[in-house]
């Protein structure tokens, strides 16, 4: 029961729907976090779309992790190479650091 409750709390706290168009021509949307109670690993997922008319050679997203007191407790990053115009990249960043909420703090497109 405690495990199920902990999963529900993390899932609810981290269900964020972020849609942001950034200067480099990418859109970040559908962010969510799901914790595997058996392994203790949380996976942050979402979609990054290249809304520009040019190829992006490299792309990374860094998520900052925060505890219940809004203190930063860590970060996790996912990256990919070459995102074509109009293409969607499915972000998947994993962490074993416990956290209450997260934010996409750094999106780098080259």
C-alpha atoms as a PDB file:
ATOM      1  CA  UNK A   1       0.000   0.000   0.000  1.00  0.00           C
ATOM      2  CA  UNK A   2       2.836   2.422   0.863  1.00  0.00           C
ATOM      3  CA  UNK A   3       4.483   1.708  -2.502  1.00  0.00           C
ATOM      4  CA  UNK A   4       1.254   2.355  -4.384  1.00  0.00           C
ATOM      5  CA  UNK A   5       0.673   5.588  -2.473  1.00  0.00           C
ATOM      6  CA  UNK A   6       4.249   6.760  -3.105  1.00  0.00           C
ATOM      7  CA  UNK A   7       3.849   6.029  -6.817  1.00  0.00           C
ATOM      8  CA  UNK A   8       0.578   7.975  -6.945  1.00  0.00           C
ATOM      9  CA  UNK A   9       2.103  10.979  -5.164  1.00  0.00           C
ATOM     10  CA  UNK A  10       5.117  11.119  -7.479  1.00  0.00           C
ATOM     11  CA  UNK A  11       2.980  10.573 -10.572  1.00  0.00           C
ATOM     12  CA  UNK A  12       0.528  13.318  -9.606  1.00  0.00           C
ATOM     13  CA  UNK A  13       3.240  15.750  -8.549  1.00  0.00           C
ATOM     14  CA  UNK A  14       5.140  15.265 -11.783  1.00  0.00           C
ATOM     15  CA  UNK A  15       2.335  15.240 -14.330  1.00  0.00           C
ATOM     16  CA  UNK A  16       3.289  18.393 -16.157  1.00  0.00           C
ATOM     17  CA  UNK A  17       2.034  19.385 -19.541  1.00  0.00           C
ATOM     18  CA  UNK A  18       4.579  21.847 -20.865  1.00  0.00           C
ATOM     19  CA  UNK A  19       4.337  23.373 -24.299  1.00  0.00           C
ATOM     20  CA  UNK A  20       7.068  25.865 -24.957  1.00  0.00           C
ATOM     21  CA  UNK A  21       8.480  27.084 -28.224  1.00  0.00           C
ATOM     22  CA  UNK A  22      12.140  27.875 -27.758  1.00  0.00           C
ATOM     23  CA  UNK A  23      14.461  30.209 -29.655  1.00  0.00           C
ATOM     24  CA  UNK A  24      16.107  27.343 -31.533  1.00  0.00           C
ATOM     25  CA  UNK A  25      12.832  26.225 -33.101  1.00  0.00           C
ATOM     26  CA  UNK A  26      11.859  23.305 -30.884  1.00  0.00           C
ATOM     27  CA  UNK A  27       8.666  22.650 -28.965  1.00  0.00           C
ATOM     28  CA  UNK A  28       8.662  20.675 -25.694  1.00  0.00           C
ATOM     29  CA  UNK A  29       5.370  19.037 -24.689  1.00  0.00           C
ATOM     30  CA  UNK A  30       3.715  16.214 -22.792  1.00  0.00           C
ATOM     31  CA  UNK A  31       6.208  15.932 -19.939  1.00  0.00           C
ATOM     32  CA  UNK A  32       5.473  13.299 -17.295  1.00  0.00           C
ATOM     33  CA  UNK A  33       7.363  11.302 -14.661  1.00  0.00           C
ATOM     34  CA  UNK A  34       6.736   7.694 -13.714  1.00  0.00           C
ATOM     35  CA  UNK A  35       8.490   5.905 -10.863  1.00  0.00           C
ATOM     36  CA  UNK A  36       9.175   2.174 -10.910  1.00  0.00           C
ATOM     37  CA  UNK A  37       8.699   1.253  -7.265  1.00  0.00           C
ATOM     38  CA  UNK A  38      10.621  -2.003  -7.655  1.00  0.00           C
ATOM     39  CA  UNK A  39      13.828  -0.511  -9.059  1.00  0.00           C
ATOM     40  CA  UNK A  40      13.457   2.988  -7.553  1.00  0.00           C
ATOM     41  CA  UNK A  41      14.115   4.574 -10.955  1.00  0.00           C
ATOM     42  CA  UNK A  42      11.974   7.454 -12.197  1.00  0.00           C
ATOM     43  CA  UNK A  43      11.692   8.027 -15.935  1.00  0.00           C
ATOM     44  CA  UNK A  44      10.840  11.502 -17.228  1.00  0.00           C
ATOM     45  CA  UNK A  45       9.295  11.365 -20.684  1.00  0.00           C
ATOM     46  CA  UNK A  46       8.045  13.910 -23.184  1.00  0.00           C
ATOM     47  CA  UNK A  47       8.173  15.033 -26.786  1.00  0.00           C
ATOM     48  CA  UNK A  48      10.486  17.510 -28.471  1.00  0.00           C
ATOM     49  CA  UNK A  49       9.431  18.621 -31.943  1.00  0.00           C
ATOM     50  CA  UNK A  50      11.660  20.411 -34.427  1.00  0.00           C
ATOM     51  CA  UNK A  51       9.325  23.197 -35.580  1.00  0.00           C
ATOM     52  CA  UNK A  52      12.019  24.878 -37.668  1.00  0.00           C
ATOM     53  CA  UNK A  53      12.832  24.344 -41.326  1.00  0.00           C
ATOM     54  CA  UNK A  54      16.410  23.227 -40.634  1.00  0.00           C
ATOM     55  CA  UNK A  55      18.118  20.082 -39.389  1.00  0.00           C
ATOM     56  CA  UNK A  56      19.185  20.172 -35.734  1.00  0.00           C
ATOM     57  CA  UNK A  57      22.564  18.437 -35.425  1.00  0.00           C
ATOM     58  CA  UNK A  58      22.405  17.764 -31.676  1.00  0.00           C
ATOM     59  CA  UNK A  59      19.721  18.236 -29.047  1.00  0.00           C
ATOM     60  CA  UNK A  60      19.646  17.754 -25.270  1.00  0.00           C
ATOM     61  CA  UNK A  61      17.154  18.374 -22.476  1.00  0.00           C
ATOM     62  CA  UNK A  62      18.220  18.711 -18.833  1.00  0.00           C
ATOM     63  CA  UNK A  63      15.632  18.333 -16.089  1.00  0.00           C
ATOM     64  CA  UNK A  64      16.216  19.837 -12.648  1.00  0.00           C
ATOM     65  CA  UNK A  65      14.812  17.801  -9.751  1.00  0.00           C
ATOM     66  CA  UNK A  66      13.344  19.373  -6.589  1.00  0.00           C
ATOM     67  CA  UNK A  67      12.262  18.064  -3.174  1.00  0.00           C
ATOM     68  CA  UNK A  68       9.108  19.016  -1.261  1.00  0.00           C
ATOM     69  CA  UNK A  69      10.791  22.198   0.031  1.00  0.00           C
ATOM     70  CA  UNK A  70      11.624  23.249  -3.564  1.00  0.00           C
ATOM     71  CA  UNK A  71      15.316  22.600  -2.957  1.00  0.00           C
ATOM     72  CA  UNK A  72      17.205  21.320  -5.995  1.00  0.00           C
ATOM     73  CA  UNK A  73      18.261  17.720  -5.336  1.00  0.00           C
ATOM     74  CA  UNK A  74      19.687  16.720  -8.711  1.00  0.00           C
ATOM     75  CA  UNK A  75      19.285  16.663 -12.457  1.00  0.00           C
ATOM     76  CA  UNK A  76      19.004  14.242 -15.339  1.00  0.00           C
ATOM     77  CA  UNK A  77      19.623  14.681 -19.065  1.00  0.00           C
ATOM     78  CA  UNK A  78      18.691  12.989 -22.308  1.00  0.00           C
ATOM     79  CA  UNK A  79      20.135  13.774 -25.715  1.00  0.00           C
ATOM     80  CA  UNK A  80      19.842  12.831 -29.364  1.00  0.00           C
ATOM     81  CA  UNK A  81      21.553  13.636 -32.606  1.00  0.00           C
ATOM     82  CA  UNK A  82      20.024  14.977 -35.786  1.00  0.00           C
ATOM     83  CA  UNK A  83      16.381  15.920 -35.524  1.00  0.00           C
ATOM     84  CA  UNK A  84      14.909  16.649 -38.941  1.00  0.00           C
ATOM     85  CA  UNK A  85      12.437  19.488 -39.570  1.00  0.00           C
ATOM     86  CA  UNK A  86       9.003  18.415 -38.331  1.00  0.00           C
ATOM     87  CA  UNK A  87      10.391  15.324 -36.567  1.00  0.00           C
ATOM     88  CA  UNK A  88       9.464  14.402 -32.990  1.00  0.00           C
ATOM     89  CA  UNK A  89      11.990  13.052 -30.478  1.00  0.00           C
ATOM     90  CA  UNK A  90      10.661  11.036 -27.537  1.00  0.00           C
ATOM     91  CA  UNK A  91      12.693  12.188 -24.534  1.00  0.00           C
ATOM     92  CA  UNK A  92      13.450   9.565 -21.876  1.00  0.00           C
ATOM     93  CA  UNK A  93      15.619  10.659 -18.942  1.00  0.00           C
ATOM     94  CA  UNK A  94      16.076   8.320 -15.968  1.00  0.00           C
ATOM     95  CA  UNK A  95      17.147   8.996 -12.396  1.00  0.00           C
ATOM     96  CA  UNK A  96      17.295   7.135  -9.094  1.00  0.00           C
ATOM     97  CA  UNK A  97      17.290  10.422  -7.141  1.00  0.00           C
ATOM     98  CA  UNK A  98      14.029  10.831  -5.189  1.00  0.00           C
ATOM     99  CA  UNK A  99      12.201  14.086  -6.018  1.00  0.00           C
ATOM    100  CA  UNK A 100       8.796  15.726  -5.690  1.00  0.00           C
ATOM    101  CA  UNK A 101       8.741  17.825  -8.846  1.00  0.00           C
ATOM    102  CA  UNK A 102      10.861  18.549 -11.908  1.00  0.00           C
ATOM    103  CA  UNK A 103      11.336  21.230 -14.526  1.00  0.00           C
ATOM    104  CA  UNK A 104      12.869  21.235 -17.994  1.00  0.00           C
ATOM    105  CA  UNK A 105      15.568  23.800 -17.250  1.00  0.00           C
ATOM    106  CA  UNK A 106      17.873  23.572 -20.225  1.00  0.00           C
ATOM    107  CA  UNK A 107      17.113  22.693 -23.843  1.00  0.00           C
ATOM    108  CA  UNK A 108      20.137  22.934 -26.112  1.00  0.00           C
ATOM    109  CA  UNK A 109      19.840  22.640 -29.890  1.00  0.00           C
ATOM    110  CA  UNK A 110      22.896  22.919 -32.149  1.00  0.00           C
END
